[in-house]
Structure formats: C-alpha cells, structure tokens
N, C-alpha and C. Protein backbone atom coordinates (compact mmCIF):
# COMPACT_ATOMS: atom_id res chain seq x y z
N UNK A 1 -2.52 -17.82 19.09
CA UNK A 1 -3.59 -18.37 19.93
C UNK A 1 -4.90 -17.75 19.47
N UNK A 2 -5.86 -18.63 19.17
CA UNK A 2 -7.12 -18.10 18.67
C UNK A 2 -8.33 -18.59 19.44
N UNK A 3 -8.22 -19.74 20.08
CA UNK A 3 -9.38 -20.29 20.77
C UNK A 3 -9.03 -20.58 22.21
N UNK A 4 -10.06 -20.83 22.99
CA UNK A 4 -9.87 -21.19 24.39
C UNK A 4 -9.05 -22.48 24.49
N UNK A 5 -9.33 -23.43 23.59
CA UNK A 5 -8.57 -24.70 23.65
C UNK A 5 -7.09 -24.46 23.35
N UNK A 6 -6.77 -23.50 22.46
CA UNK A 6 -5.36 -23.16 22.20
C UNK A 6 -4.71 -22.63 23.48
N UNK A 7 -5.42 -21.77 24.16
CA UNK A 7 -4.90 -21.18 25.41
C UNK A 7 -4.69 -22.29 26.44
N UNK A 8 -5.67 -23.16 26.59
CA UNK A 8 -5.58 -24.24 27.55
C UNK A 8 -4.40 -25.17 27.22
N UNK A 9 -4.23 -25.49 25.92
CA UNK A 9 -3.13 -26.37 25.49
C UNK A 9 -1.77 -25.76 25.86
N UNK A 10 -1.60 -24.47 25.63
CA UNK A 10 -0.34 -23.82 25.97
C UNK A 10 -0.13 -23.82 27.48
N UNK A 11 -1.18 -23.52 28.23
CA UNK A 11 -1.06 -23.50 29.69
C UNK A 11 -0.67 -24.88 30.23
N UNK A 12 -1.28 -25.93 29.69
CA UNK A 12 -0.99 -27.30 30.15
C UNK A 12 0.41 -27.74 29.76
N UNK A 13 0.79 -27.49 28.51
CA UNK A 13 2.06 -28.03 28.03
C UNK A 13 3.26 -27.17 28.39
N UNK A 14 3.11 -25.85 28.36
CA UNK A 14 4.26 -24.96 28.54
C UNK A 14 4.26 -24.19 29.85
N UNK A 15 3.16 -24.18 30.54
CA UNK A 15 3.08 -23.48 31.81
C UNK A 15 2.59 -22.04 31.67
N UNK A 16 2.25 -21.42 32.80
CA UNK A 16 1.65 -20.08 32.79
C UNK A 16 2.59 -18.99 32.28
N UNK A 17 3.89 -19.12 32.52
CA UNK A 17 4.83 -18.09 32.06
C UNK A 17 4.87 -18.06 30.53
N UNK A 18 4.92 -19.23 29.91
CA UNK A 18 4.92 -19.30 28.44
C UNK A 18 3.59 -18.78 27.88
N UNK A 19 2.49 -19.10 28.56
CA UNK A 19 1.17 -18.59 28.15
C UNK A 19 1.17 -17.07 28.18
N UNK A 20 1.70 -16.49 29.24
CA UNK A 20 1.76 -15.04 29.36
C UNK A 20 2.63 -14.45 28.25
N UNK A 21 3.79 -15.07 28.00
CA UNK A 21 4.70 -14.60 26.95
C UNK A 21 4.02 -14.62 25.58
N UNK A 22 3.34 -15.71 25.26
CA UNK A 22 2.63 -15.80 23.98
C UNK A 22 1.53 -14.76 23.90
N UNK A 23 0.84 -14.54 25.00
CA UNK A 23 -0.24 -13.54 25.02
C UNK A 23 0.28 -12.13 24.77
N UNK A 24 1.40 -11.80 25.39
CA UNK A 24 2.00 -10.47 25.18
C UNK A 24 2.43 -10.32 23.72
N UNK A 25 3.09 -11.35 23.19
CA UNK A 25 3.54 -11.30 21.80
C UNK A 25 2.35 -11.17 20.84
N UNK A 26 1.29 -11.93 21.08
CA UNK A 26 0.10 -11.87 20.24
C UNK A 26 -0.51 -10.47 20.30
N UNK A 27 -0.64 -9.91 21.50
CA UNK A 27 -1.21 -8.57 21.66
C UNK A 27 -0.36 -7.53 20.94
N UNK A 28 0.96 -7.63 21.08
CA UNK A 28 1.85 -6.68 20.42
C UNK A 28 1.72 -6.78 18.90
N UNK A 29 1.78 -7.99 18.36
CA UNK A 29 1.66 -8.16 16.91
C UNK A 29 0.29 -7.73 16.41
N UNK A 30 -0.75 -8.03 17.15
CA UNK A 30 -2.10 -7.63 16.76
C UNK A 30 -2.21 -6.11 16.73
N UNK A 31 -1.65 -5.44 17.73
CA UNK A 31 -1.74 -3.98 17.75
C UNK A 31 -0.94 -3.36 16.61
N UNK A 32 0.19 -3.99 16.23
CA UNK A 32 0.97 -3.50 15.08
C UNK A 32 0.17 -3.68 13.80
N UNK A 33 -0.50 -4.83 13.70
CA UNK A 33 -1.28 -5.11 12.51
C UNK A 33 -2.48 -4.17 12.40
N UNK A 34 -3.04 -3.83 13.54
CA UNK A 34 -4.23 -2.98 13.56
C UNK A 34 -3.83 -1.51 13.63
N UNK A 35 -2.94 -1.09 12.76
CA UNK A 35 -2.52 0.30 12.72
C UNK A 35 -3.71 1.18 12.43
N UNK A 36 -3.50 2.45 12.37
CA UNK A 36 -4.59 3.41 12.25
C UNK A 36 -5.46 3.22 11.02
N UNK A 37 -5.06 2.36 10.11
CA UNK A 37 -5.78 2.11 8.86
C UNK A 37 -5.62 3.26 7.86
N UNK A 38 -5.02 4.34 8.29
CA UNK A 38 -4.78 5.46 7.39
C UNK A 38 -3.59 6.26 7.90
N UNK A 39 -2.80 6.77 6.99
CA UNK A 39 -1.68 7.63 7.34
C UNK A 39 -1.46 8.60 6.20
N UNK A 40 -0.72 9.66 6.45
CA UNK A 40 -0.46 10.67 5.42
C UNK A 40 1.04 10.82 5.21
N UNK A 41 1.39 11.14 3.97
CA UNK A 41 2.77 11.47 3.63
C UNK A 41 2.74 12.83 2.95
N UNK A 42 3.72 13.65 3.27
CA UNK A 42 3.78 14.99 2.70
C UNK A 42 5.08 15.19 1.96
N UNK A 43 4.97 15.92 0.86
CA UNK A 43 6.13 16.23 0.05
C UNK A 43 5.85 17.56 -0.63
N UNK A 44 6.80 18.47 -0.50
CA UNK A 44 6.62 19.83 -1.00
C UNK A 44 5.33 20.38 -0.38
N UNK A 45 4.39 20.85 -1.17
CA UNK A 45 3.15 21.36 -0.60
C UNK A 45 2.00 20.37 -0.75
N UNK A 46 2.32 19.10 -1.02
CA UNK A 46 1.30 18.07 -1.23
C UNK A 46 1.21 17.15 -0.01
N UNK A 47 -0.01 16.89 0.42
CA UNK A 47 -0.26 15.95 1.51
C UNK A 47 -1.20 14.88 0.98
N UNK A 48 -0.77 13.62 1.03
CA UNK A 48 -1.54 12.53 0.46
C UNK A 48 -1.90 11.53 1.55
N UNK A 49 -3.16 11.10 1.55
CA UNK A 49 -3.64 10.09 2.50
C UNK A 49 -3.52 8.72 1.85
N UNK A 50 -3.04 7.76 2.64
CA UNK A 50 -2.90 6.38 2.19
C UNK A 50 -3.64 5.46 3.15
N UNK A 51 -4.18 4.38 2.61
CA UNK A 51 -4.79 3.35 3.43
C UNK A 51 -3.70 2.43 3.95
N UNK A 52 -3.93 1.89 5.12
CA UNK A 52 -2.98 0.94 5.71
C UNK A 52 -3.73 -0.32 6.11
N UNK A 53 -3.92 -1.24 5.16
CA UNK A 53 -4.66 -2.46 5.50
C UNK A 53 -3.92 -3.33 6.51
N UNK A 54 -2.58 -3.22 6.53
CA UNK A 54 -1.77 -3.97 7.49
C UNK A 54 -0.56 -3.11 7.88
N UNK A 55 0.05 -3.48 8.97
CA UNK A 55 1.27 -2.82 9.40
C UNK A 55 2.35 -2.94 8.33
N UNK A 56 2.46 -4.13 7.74
CA UNK A 56 3.47 -4.39 6.71
C UNK A 56 3.26 -3.51 5.48
N UNK A 57 2.02 -3.34 5.05
CA UNK A 57 1.73 -2.50 3.88
C UNK A 57 2.15 -1.06 4.13
N UNK A 58 1.84 -0.57 5.32
CA UNK A 58 2.24 0.80 5.66
C UNK A 58 3.76 0.92 5.71
N UNK A 59 4.41 -0.05 6.34
CA UNK A 59 5.87 -0.03 6.45
C UNK A 59 6.54 -0.05 5.08
N UNK A 60 6.05 -0.89 4.17
CA UNK A 60 6.61 -0.96 2.82
C UNK A 60 6.43 0.35 2.07
N UNK A 61 5.26 0.95 2.17
CA UNK A 61 5.01 2.19 1.45
C UNK A 61 5.84 3.34 2.03
N UNK A 62 5.95 3.40 3.35
CA UNK A 62 6.81 4.44 3.96
C UNK A 62 8.27 4.24 3.55
N UNK A 63 8.70 3.00 3.50
CA UNK A 63 10.07 2.70 3.10
C UNK A 63 10.30 3.12 1.64
N UNK A 64 9.34 2.81 0.78
CA UNK A 64 9.44 3.19 -0.63
C UNK A 64 9.46 4.72 -0.74
N UNK A 65 8.62 5.39 0.03
CA UNK A 65 8.58 6.85 0.02
C UNK A 65 9.94 7.43 0.42
N UNK A 66 10.55 6.87 1.45
CA UNK A 66 11.84 7.37 1.92
C UNK A 66 12.96 7.06 0.93
N UNK A 67 12.98 5.86 0.38
CA UNK A 67 14.08 5.49 -0.51
C UNK A 67 13.96 6.15 -1.89
N UNK A 68 12.74 6.47 -2.32
CA UNK A 68 12.54 7.06 -3.64
C UNK A 68 12.19 8.54 -3.56
N UNK A 69 12.42 9.13 -2.42
CA UNK A 69 12.04 10.53 -2.19
C UNK A 69 12.64 11.48 -3.21
N UNK A 70 13.93 11.35 -3.48
CA UNK A 70 14.57 12.28 -4.42
C UNK A 70 14.04 12.09 -5.84
N UNK A 71 13.73 10.86 -6.22
CA UNK A 71 13.14 10.61 -7.54
C UNK A 71 11.75 11.22 -7.62
N UNK A 72 10.97 11.02 -6.58
CA UNK A 72 9.62 11.57 -6.54
C UNK A 72 9.64 13.10 -6.60
N UNK A 73 10.56 13.72 -5.88
CA UNK A 73 10.71 15.18 -5.93
C UNK A 73 11.06 15.62 -7.35
N UNK A 74 11.98 14.91 -7.98
CA UNK A 74 12.38 15.24 -9.35
C UNK A 74 11.20 15.12 -10.31
N UNK A 75 10.42 14.05 -10.18
CA UNK A 75 9.23 13.87 -11.03
C UNK A 75 8.27 15.04 -10.83
N UNK A 76 7.98 15.37 -9.59
CA UNK A 76 7.03 16.45 -9.31
C UNK A 76 7.54 17.80 -9.81
N UNK A 77 8.84 18.05 -9.68
CA UNK A 77 9.42 19.31 -10.15
C UNK A 77 9.37 19.45 -11.67
N UNK A 78 9.32 18.32 -12.36
CA UNK A 78 9.29 18.35 -13.82
C UNK A 78 7.88 18.26 -14.40
N UNK A 79 6.88 18.15 -13.55
CA UNK A 79 5.50 18.10 -14.02
C UNK A 79 4.91 19.50 -14.09
N UNK A 80 4.33 19.82 -15.23
CA UNK A 80 3.59 21.06 -15.35
C UNK A 80 2.12 20.80 -15.11
N UNK A 81 1.38 21.81 -14.77
CA UNK A 81 -0.04 21.66 -14.48
C UNK A 81 -0.78 21.00 -15.64
N UNK A 82 -0.44 21.31 -16.88
CA UNK A 82 -1.18 20.78 -18.03
C UNK A 82 -0.63 19.43 -18.53
N UNK A 83 0.38 18.88 -17.86
CA UNK A 83 0.96 17.60 -18.27
C UNK A 83 0.03 16.42 -17.94
N UNK A 84 0.26 15.33 -18.65
CA UNK A 84 -0.39 14.05 -18.36
C UNK A 84 0.68 13.12 -17.84
N UNK A 85 0.46 12.55 -16.66
CA UNK A 85 1.42 11.64 -16.05
C UNK A 85 0.91 10.22 -16.17
N UNK A 86 1.73 9.31 -16.71
CA UNK A 86 1.37 7.89 -16.82
C UNK A 86 2.20 7.09 -15.81
N UNK A 87 1.52 6.34 -14.99
CA UNK A 87 2.18 5.50 -13.99
C UNK A 87 1.96 4.05 -14.39
N UNK A 88 2.97 3.45 -15.02
CA UNK A 88 2.88 2.08 -15.50
C UNK A 88 3.45 1.16 -14.43
N UNK A 89 2.59 0.31 -13.90
CA UNK A 89 2.97 -0.51 -12.75
C UNK A 89 2.83 0.34 -11.50
N UNK A 90 1.65 0.88 -11.31
CA UNK A 90 1.41 1.88 -10.26
C UNK A 90 1.57 1.35 -8.84
N UNK A 91 1.53 0.02 -8.69
CA UNK A 91 1.67 -0.56 -7.36
C UNK A 91 0.56 -0.02 -6.46
N UNK A 92 0.89 0.53 -5.30
CA UNK A 92 -0.15 1.06 -4.41
C UNK A 92 -0.36 2.56 -4.60
N UNK A 93 0.29 3.15 -5.60
CA UNK A 93 -0.05 4.51 -5.99
C UNK A 93 0.78 5.64 -5.44
N UNK A 94 1.96 5.38 -4.96
CA UNK A 94 2.79 6.45 -4.43
C UNK A 94 2.97 7.58 -5.44
N UNK A 95 3.40 7.26 -6.64
CA UNK A 95 3.61 8.28 -7.67
C UNK A 95 2.28 8.82 -8.19
N UNK A 96 1.32 7.94 -8.40
CA UNK A 96 0.00 8.36 -8.90
C UNK A 96 -0.62 9.43 -8.02
N UNK A 97 -0.66 9.18 -6.72
CA UNK A 97 -1.36 10.08 -5.81
C UNK A 97 -0.65 11.42 -5.66
N UNK A 98 0.67 11.41 -5.64
CA UNK A 98 1.40 12.68 -5.57
C UNK A 98 1.30 13.44 -6.90
N UNK A 99 1.45 12.73 -8.01
CA UNK A 99 1.37 13.38 -9.32
C UNK A 99 0.00 14.01 -9.55
N UNK A 100 -1.04 13.41 -9.00
CA UNK A 100 -2.40 13.95 -9.17
C UNK A 100 -2.54 15.35 -8.57
N UNK A 101 -1.70 15.66 -7.61
CA UNK A 101 -1.73 17.01 -7.03
C UNK A 101 -0.89 18.01 -7.81
N UNK A 102 -0.11 17.51 -8.77
CA UNK A 102 0.81 18.39 -9.49
C UNK A 102 0.44 18.60 -10.96
N UNK A 103 -0.44 17.76 -11.51
CA UNK A 103 -0.81 17.92 -12.91
C UNK A 103 -2.31 17.63 -13.09
N UNK A 104 -2.80 17.97 -14.29
CA UNK A 104 -4.24 17.87 -14.55
C UNK A 104 -4.75 16.46 -14.78
N UNK A 105 -3.90 15.56 -15.25
CA UNK A 105 -4.38 14.22 -15.56
C UNK A 105 -3.33 13.16 -15.25
N UNK A 106 -3.77 12.08 -14.59
CA UNK A 106 -2.90 10.95 -14.29
C UNK A 106 -3.59 9.69 -14.81
N UNK A 107 -2.82 8.88 -15.53
CA UNK A 107 -3.32 7.61 -16.03
C UNK A 107 -2.44 6.52 -15.43
N UNK A 108 -3.06 5.61 -14.68
CA UNK A 108 -2.31 4.58 -13.97
C UNK A 108 -2.71 3.19 -14.42
N UNK A 109 -1.72 2.32 -14.48
CA UNK A 109 -1.92 0.92 -14.87
C UNK A 109 -1.34 0.03 -13.79
N UNK A 110 -2.13 -0.92 -13.32
CA UNK A 110 -1.68 -1.86 -12.29
C UNK A 110 -2.43 -3.18 -12.45
N UNK A 111 -1.71 -4.29 -12.67
CA UNK A 111 -2.39 -5.57 -12.91
C UNK A 111 -2.76 -6.37 -11.65
N UNK A 112 -2.15 -6.09 -10.52
CA UNK A 112 -2.35 -6.90 -9.32
C UNK A 112 -3.57 -6.39 -8.56
N UNK A 113 -4.63 -7.21 -8.49
CA UNK A 113 -5.91 -6.78 -7.94
C UNK A 113 -5.87 -6.20 -6.53
N UNK A 114 -5.16 -6.79 -5.57
CA UNK A 114 -5.13 -6.16 -4.24
C UNK A 114 -4.58 -4.72 -4.29
N UNK A 115 -3.58 -4.47 -5.14
CA UNK A 115 -3.05 -3.11 -5.28
C UNK A 115 -4.06 -2.20 -5.97
N UNK A 116 -4.77 -2.72 -6.96
CA UNK A 116 -5.79 -1.94 -7.67
C UNK A 116 -6.87 -1.49 -6.68
N UNK A 117 -7.35 -2.42 -5.87
CA UNK A 117 -8.40 -2.10 -4.90
C UNK A 117 -7.92 -1.04 -3.90
N UNK A 118 -6.70 -1.19 -3.42
CA UNK A 118 -6.15 -0.22 -2.47
C UNK A 118 -5.99 1.15 -3.13
N UNK A 119 -5.49 1.18 -4.36
CA UNK A 119 -5.31 2.44 -5.06
C UNK A 119 -6.66 3.11 -5.34
N UNK A 120 -7.66 2.34 -5.74
CA UNK A 120 -9.01 2.91 -5.94
C UNK A 120 -9.52 3.57 -4.66
N UNK A 121 -9.31 2.88 -3.57
CA UNK A 121 -9.74 3.41 -2.27
C UNK A 121 -9.03 4.73 -1.96
N UNK A 122 -7.72 4.78 -2.24
CA UNK A 122 -6.95 5.99 -1.93
C UNK A 122 -7.25 7.14 -2.90
N UNK A 123 -7.58 6.82 -4.14
CA UNK A 123 -8.01 7.86 -5.07
C UNK A 123 -9.27 8.52 -4.54
N UNK A 124 -10.19 7.70 -4.07
CA UNK A 124 -11.43 8.21 -3.49
C UNK A 124 -11.17 8.97 -2.19
N UNK A 125 -10.34 8.41 -1.34
CA UNK A 125 -10.01 9.03 -0.04
C UNK A 125 -9.42 10.43 -0.23
N UNK A 126 -8.64 10.60 -1.29
CA UNK A 126 -8.02 11.90 -1.57
C UNK A 126 -8.88 12.78 -2.48
N UNK A 127 -10.07 12.29 -2.82
CA UNK A 127 -11.03 13.03 -3.64
C UNK A 127 -10.40 13.50 -4.96
N UNK A 128 -9.76 12.55 -5.65
CA UNK A 128 -9.08 12.87 -6.90
C UNK A 128 -9.97 12.50 -8.09
N UNK A 129 -10.31 13.48 -8.87
CA UNK A 129 -11.13 13.22 -10.06
C UNK A 129 -10.29 13.22 -11.33
N UNK A 130 -9.01 13.48 -11.20
CA UNK A 130 -8.13 13.55 -12.37
C UNK A 130 -7.27 12.31 -12.57
N UNK A 131 -7.65 11.20 -11.92
CA UNK A 131 -6.90 9.95 -12.05
C UNK A 131 -7.77 8.90 -12.73
N UNK A 132 -7.23 8.29 -13.79
CA UNK A 132 -7.87 7.16 -14.45
C UNK A 132 -7.03 5.93 -14.16
N UNK A 133 -7.65 4.92 -13.57
CA UNK A 133 -6.94 3.71 -13.18
C UNK A 133 -7.43 2.54 -14.03
N UNK A 134 -6.48 1.84 -14.64
CA UNK A 134 -6.78 0.67 -15.46
C UNK A 134 -6.14 -0.55 -14.82
N UNK A 135 -6.95 -1.56 -14.55
CA UNK A 135 -6.41 -2.76 -13.90
C UNK A 135 -5.94 -3.76 -14.95
N UNK A 136 -4.82 -3.40 -15.55
CA UNK A 136 -4.19 -4.26 -16.56
C UNK A 136 -2.71 -3.92 -16.65
N UNK A 137 -2.00 -4.84 -17.27
CA UNK A 137 -0.56 -4.66 -17.48
C UNK A 137 -0.33 -4.10 -18.88
N UNK A 138 0.77 -3.41 -19.06
CA UNK A 138 1.13 -2.89 -20.38
C UNK A 138 2.37 -3.63 -20.88
N UNK A 139 2.47 -3.70 -22.21
CA UNK A 139 3.60 -4.38 -22.83
C UNK A 139 3.88 -3.73 -24.18
N UNK A 140 4.97 -4.13 -24.79
CA UNK A 140 5.29 -3.62 -26.12
C UNK A 140 4.69 -4.49 -27.22
N UNK A 141 3.89 -5.49 -26.83
CA UNK A 141 3.21 -6.33 -27.83
C UNK A 141 1.83 -6.72 -27.32
N UNK A 142 0.93 -7.01 -28.24
CA UNK A 142 -0.42 -7.41 -27.88
C UNK A 142 -0.44 -8.89 -27.53
N UNK A 143 -1.33 -9.28 -26.64
CA UNK A 143 -1.48 -10.68 -26.29
C UNK A 143 -1.67 -10.87 -24.81
N UNK A 144 -1.78 -12.09 -24.43
CA UNK A 144 -1.96 -12.44 -23.02
C UNK A 144 -0.71 -13.19 -22.54
N UNK A 145 -0.34 -12.91 -21.32
CA UNK A 145 0.79 -13.60 -20.70
C UNK A 145 0.38 -13.97 -19.28
N UNK A 146 1.00 -15.01 -18.72
CA UNK A 146 0.69 -15.36 -17.33
C UNK A 146 1.19 -14.27 -16.39
N UNK A 147 0.46 -14.07 -15.32
CA UNK A 147 0.86 -13.09 -14.31
C UNK A 147 1.11 -13.84 -13.02
N UNK A 148 2.33 -13.79 -12.53
CA UNK A 148 2.69 -14.48 -11.30
C UNK A 148 2.35 -13.61 -10.10
N UNK A 149 1.35 -14.03 -9.35
CA UNK A 149 0.97 -13.33 -8.14
C UNK A 149 1.77 -13.89 -6.97
N UNK A 150 1.97 -13.08 -5.93
CA UNK A 150 2.69 -13.58 -4.76
C UNK A 150 1.97 -14.79 -4.14
N UNK A 151 2.74 -15.66 -3.49
CA UNK A 151 2.13 -16.81 -2.81
C UNK A 151 1.13 -16.38 -1.74
N UNK A 152 1.49 -15.33 -1.01
CA UNK A 152 0.62 -14.79 0.03
C UNK A 152 0.14 -13.43 -0.42
N UNK A 153 -1.14 -13.13 -0.18
CA UNK A 153 -1.62 -11.79 -0.56
C UNK A 153 -0.82 -10.72 0.19
N UNK A 154 -0.27 -9.78 -0.54
CA UNK A 154 0.53 -8.74 0.08
C UNK A 154 0.56 -7.53 -0.83
N UNK A 155 -0.11 -6.46 -0.42
CA UNK A 155 -0.06 -5.25 -1.24
C UNK A 155 1.35 -4.70 -1.24
N UNK A 156 1.72 -4.10 -2.32
CA UNK A 156 3.06 -3.56 -2.46
C UNK A 156 3.99 -4.53 -3.12
C-alpha cells in the first residue's frame, strides 16, 4: 500500500480487518528493510563495519560470514603482515575487509557495480588505505565477455 487510494481500495473491497492486516505486514516488512544501515562482524581481534542497504543484503552477508567462518579464519591465520591479498570476485567485501586488517595490501576485483559501490563505501567506513578496488572481472584470457547481471538489483 503506497497511496491513500490504495488504502481506500483495500478498505472498500476487503474490509477493515484486511486493511489492518496489510498495514501491520507493511509496517513489519518496512521496519525489516530499514535496518540500522550498518552492522559489525568480529573475528579474532578484527572488527569490521558493513553497510546494510537492505535487510536482505545484511542477512546474506551474515549468512556468508557464518557459513564461511572457518575458511575466513584459515585465510587470516595464513596471512602475514607483509603479504598481499588478492580478492577476485570480491562481492560485497567480506574477505577484503577482514584481510585488510591482517596484511599490508589488499587488491580486490569485482565487476558488479552495486557490489563495487557498497564495497567502496565500506572501505571508507573502515578507514582502510591499504585496499585497492578495481571494478572489473578477471580471466585467463584478454577480451570482453557479456556479464549477466541479476534481473533485480541485489547486492551479494
């Protein structure tokens, strides 16, 4: 429901109880969507701030963090301070942002613009000067290929 006429149409056709039910559902979904816009994840002695443009984006990143936690720990344990970490297909930057706290230089590649914008924002939010982000894809050969973007904009 977005306009007064939408509200009126529901009230006329479905009655006040249905109008109330839709209103509660809309409010609940809107509040989920309007999450804090920022959240932090911690691992070992590193605390990283992430942007949350939507509830779904935050949920996906938290899920990825939980499911890949042991891999991320292993990566961090094998990084030395003087190492260079390359994140190919950086997505929204889970590995990039944590690796930036463990080594001197991180080079990230991500071709999907919504993810690039979000990662740039989070690099700035975490005040990281040791991350270089390139908005392009990598391959084993030179040339151009089509890039299939999701039907609906969705970071992650």
